[in-house]
Protein backbone atom coordinates (compact mmCIF):
# COMPACT_ATOMS: atom_id res chain seq x y z
CA UNK A 1 -76.56 40.33 105.08
CA UNK A 2 -76.48 41.86 108.58
CA UNK A 3 -79.69 41.74 110.60
CA UNK A 4 -80.90 42.38 114.11
CA UNK A 5 -82.64 39.56 115.93
CA UNK A 6 -85.78 41.71 116.29
CA UNK A 7 -86.11 41.72 112.48
CA UNK A 8 -85.97 37.93 112.10
CA UNK A 9 -87.82 36.76 115.24
CA UNK A 10 -90.80 37.65 117.39
CA UNK A 11 -89.66 38.01 120.99
CA UNK A 12 -92.18 37.46 123.79
CA UNK A 13 -91.87 37.14 127.53
CA UNK A 14 -92.80 33.89 129.21
CA UNK A 15 -95.69 33.75 131.67
CA UNK A 16 -96.03 33.97 135.40
CA UNK A 17 -98.68 31.43 136.41
CA UNK A 18 -99.76 29.61 139.53
CA UNK A 19 -99.01 25.92 139.35
CA UNK A 20 -101.59 23.20 139.93
CA UNK A 21 -101.04 19.52 140.73
CA UNK A 22 -103.51 18.39 138.06
CA UNK A 23 -102.19 20.53 135.21
CA UNK A 24 -102.25 19.55 131.55
CA UNK A 25 -99.49 21.87 130.25
CA UNK A 26 -95.79 21.76 131.13
CA UNK A 27 -94.52 24.98 132.72
CA UNK A 28 -90.86 25.11 131.65
CA UNK A 29 -88.63 26.67 134.30
CA UNK A 30 -84.91 27.42 134.41
CA UNK A 31 -84.43 24.63 136.98
CA UNK A 32 -85.62 22.12 134.34
CA UNK A 33 -82.42 22.71 132.33
CA UNK A 34 -78.70 22.34 132.97
CA UNK A 35 -76.33 25.27 132.41
CA UNK A 36 -75.96 24.24 128.76
CA UNK A 37 -79.70 24.45 128.14
CA UNK A 38 -80.28 20.70 128.04
CA UNK A 39 -83.48 19.41 129.62
CA UNK A 40 -82.48 17.59 132.82
CA UNK A 41 -85.64 15.49 133.09
CA UNK A 42 -89.17 15.45 131.71
CA UNK A 43 -91.09 18.03 133.73
CA UNK A 44 -94.62 17.33 134.88
CA UNK A 45 -97.60 19.36 133.60
CA UNK A 46 -98.13 22.06 136.24
CA UNK A 47 -100.59 24.52 134.67
CA UNK A 48 -104.11 24.21 133.30
CA UNK A 49 -104.94 25.23 129.74
CA UNK A 50 -108.11 27.18 130.38
CA UNK A 51 -108.19 28.56 126.84
CA UNK A 52 -106.04 31.58 127.68
CA UNK A 53 -102.72 29.83 126.99
CA UNK A 54 -103.17 29.27 123.25
CA UNK A 55 -101.11 32.36 122.31
CA UNK A 56 -98.29 31.24 124.63
CA UNK A 57 -98.00 27.55 123.77
CA UNK A 58 -94.57 26.70 122.41
CA UNK A 59 -94.01 25.48 118.87
CA UNK A 60 -91.27 23.22 117.54
CA UNK A 61 -88.18 25.38 116.97
CA UNK A 62 -89.10 28.17 119.41
CA UNK A 63 -86.05 29.41 121.30
CA UNK A 64 -86.12 29.82 125.07
CA UNK A 65 -83.61 32.35 126.35
CA UNK A 66 -83.06 32.36 130.13
CA UNK A 67 -82.90 36.10 130.75
CA UNK A 68 -83.00 36.34 134.53
CA UNK A 69 -80.26 35.45 136.99
CA UNK A 70 -76.61 34.68 136.47
CA UNK A 71 -77.01 31.51 134.40
CA UNK A 72 -78.10 32.68 130.97
CA UNK A 73 -78.54 30.19 128.15
CA UNK A 74 -80.62 29.52 125.08
CA UNK A 75 -82.28 26.25 124.12
CA UNK A 76 -84.52 25.06 121.30
CA UNK A 77 -87.96 23.77 122.24
CA UNK A 78 -88.78 20.35 120.78
CA UNK A 79 -92.39 19.20 120.63
CA UNK A 80 -91.41 15.85 122.16
CA UNK A 81 -90.91 17.80 125.43
CA UNK A 82 -94.71 17.95 125.54
CA UNK A 83 -97.33 20.69 125.35
CA UNK A 84 -95.62 23.57 127.17
CA UNK A 85 -95.37 27.24 128.04
CA UNK A 86 -92.33 29.06 129.41
CA UNK A 87 -92.06 30.89 132.73
CA UNK A 88 -91.43 34.62 132.91
CA UNK A 89 -87.71 33.88 133.42
CA UNK A 90 -87.52 33.14 129.69
CA UNK A 91 -87.91 35.10 126.50
CA UNK A 92 -89.48 33.06 123.72
CA UNK A 93 -88.03 33.80 120.29
CA UNK A 94 -90.08 32.56 117.34
CA UNK A 95 -88.15 32.84 114.10
CA UNK A 96 -90.18 34.41 111.29
CA UNK A 97 -87.57 34.08 108.51
CA UNK A 98 -87.15 30.82 106.62
CA UNK A 99 -83.41 31.30 106.04
CA UNK A 100 -82.50 31.07 109.76
CA UNK A 101 -82.16 27.73 111.52
CA UNK A 102 -83.37 27.75 115.14
CA UNK A 103 -80.38 25.69 116.25
CA UNK A 104 -78.02 28.20 114.59
CA UNK A 105 -79.61 31.20 116.34
CA UNK A 106 -79.52 29.22 119.60
CA UNK A 107 -75.80 28.55 119.08
CA UNK A 108 -75.21 32.26 118.39
CA UNK A 109 -77.01 33.30 121.59
CA UNK A 110 -74.99 30.77 123.59
CA UNK A 111 -71.60 31.97 122.37
CA UNK A 112 -69.32 33.43 125.02
CA UNK A 113 -69.07 36.62 122.95
CA UNK A 114 -72.84 37.30 122.89
CA UNK A 115 -73.43 36.20 126.51
CA UNK A 116 -70.61 38.48 127.71
CA UNK A 117 -72.16 41.44 125.91
CA UNK A 118 -75.63 40.67 127.29
CA UNK A 119 -74.40 40.12 130.86
CA UNK A 120 -72.47 43.39 130.68
CA UNK A 121 -75.69 45.24 129.87
CA UNK A 122 -77.92 43.35 132.34
CA UNK A 123 -80.02 45.48 134.67
CA UNK A 124 -80.85 44.88 138.33
CA UNK A 125 -78.55 44.49 141.29
CA UNK A 126 -79.89 41.45 143.15
CA UNK A 127 -81.17 39.49 140.15
CA UNK A 128 -79.54 40.61 136.89
CA UNK A 129 -81.96 40.64 133.97
CA UNK A 130 -81.43 40.87 130.25
CA UNK A 131 -84.13 42.89 128.53
CA UNK A 132 -86.08 42.13 125.38
CA UNK A 133 -84.51 45.09 123.58
CA UNK A 134 -80.99 43.89 124.44
CA UNK A 135 -81.68 40.58 122.71
CA UNK A 136 -83.58 42.23 119.86
CA UNK A 137 -80.72 44.60 119.10
CA UNK A 138 -78.11 41.87 118.68
CA UNK A 139 -76.82 42.26 115.16
CA UNK A 140 -75.18 39.47 113.18
CA UNK A 141 -74.32 38.29 109.70
CA UNK A 142 -76.58 35.56 108.32
CA UNK A 143 -74.52 32.76 106.77
CA UNK A 144 -76.00 30.37 104.20
CA UNK A 145 -78.23 27.57 105.48
CA UNK A 146 -75.42 25.11 104.72
CA UNK A 147 -72.91 27.12 106.79
CA UNK A 148 -75.46 27.35 109.61
CA UNK A 149 -75.81 23.55 109.51
CA UNK A 150 -72.04 23.08 109.57
CA UNK A 151 -71.62 25.48 112.51
CA UNK A 152 -74.29 23.64 114.51
CA UNK A 153 -72.83 20.24 113.64
CA UNK A 154 -69.34 21.40 114.68
CA UNK A 155 -70.75 22.68 117.98
CA UNK A 156 -72.44 19.31 118.63
CA UNK A 157 -69.17 17.49 117.92
CA UNK A 158 -67.31 19.84 120.28
CA UNK A 159 -69.85 19.14 123.04
CA UNK A 160 -69.49 15.40 122.47
CA UNK A 161 -65.70 15.74 122.66
CA UNK A 162 -66.01 17.56 126.01
CA UNK A 163 -68.28 14.80 127.35
CA UNK A 164 -65.76 12.14 126.27
CA UNK A 165 -62.87 14.03 127.90
CA UNK A 166 -64.82 14.25 131.16
CA UNK A 167 -65.63 10.55 131.02
CA UNK A 168 -61.98 9.63 130.32
CA UNK A 169 -60.81 11.86 133.16
CA UNK A 170 -63.31 10.30 135.57
CA UNK A 171 -62.29 6.78 134.56
CA UNK A 172 -58.58 7.63 134.91
CA UNK A 173 -59.21 8.96 138.41
CA UNK A 174 -61.12 5.81 139.38
CA UNK A 175 -58.31 3.64 138.01
CA UNK A 176 -55.62 5.68 139.80
CA UNK A 177 -57.60 5.54 143.05
CA UNK A 178 -57.93 1.77 142.71
CA UNK A 179 -54.21 1.30 142.01
CA UNK A 180 -53.23 3.55 144.92
CA UNK A 181 -55.68 1.81 147.24
CA UNK A 182 -54.20 -1.55 146.25
CA UNK A 183 -50.68 -0.30 147.14
CA UNK A 184 -51.66 0.39 150.76
CA UNK A 185 -53.14 -3.06 151.37
């Protein structure tokens, strides 16, 4: 079955808020993530929950899509990140269908194919921005839950393979440098 993202998820903009040193809610920003959407460190709470944030607090499985700038990515919010809201640089996608895995939709939005389409449609000259309707109009085929799981698992294995290759390459360079250094002694 082919669907548009807008039919399977609510899409909301993040918030623009002033930060405070004694906040009690984490204010997730693009700088808190690497280019692959992985949290770099545990951010500090920077905004106060004055009762007006309840509709914007993130839930387990919400997707954060970095829509502004040249580094676009999607990541899945996990509650162990802490009580949080997203900045206005993100769109928050909350899946409303039970037959879509958040990690699968995140994978789909991070594919080179989808990101190339979105970047090609981005508006703005100094800071390119992807609009809510651009994301909402992405159409895709929904595979079975089992296929979604397999796709996500394969993607995780591919990422692990890339990490191992980088580590091997770094260690080979260090070994080569050491051997070459020893030859000039």
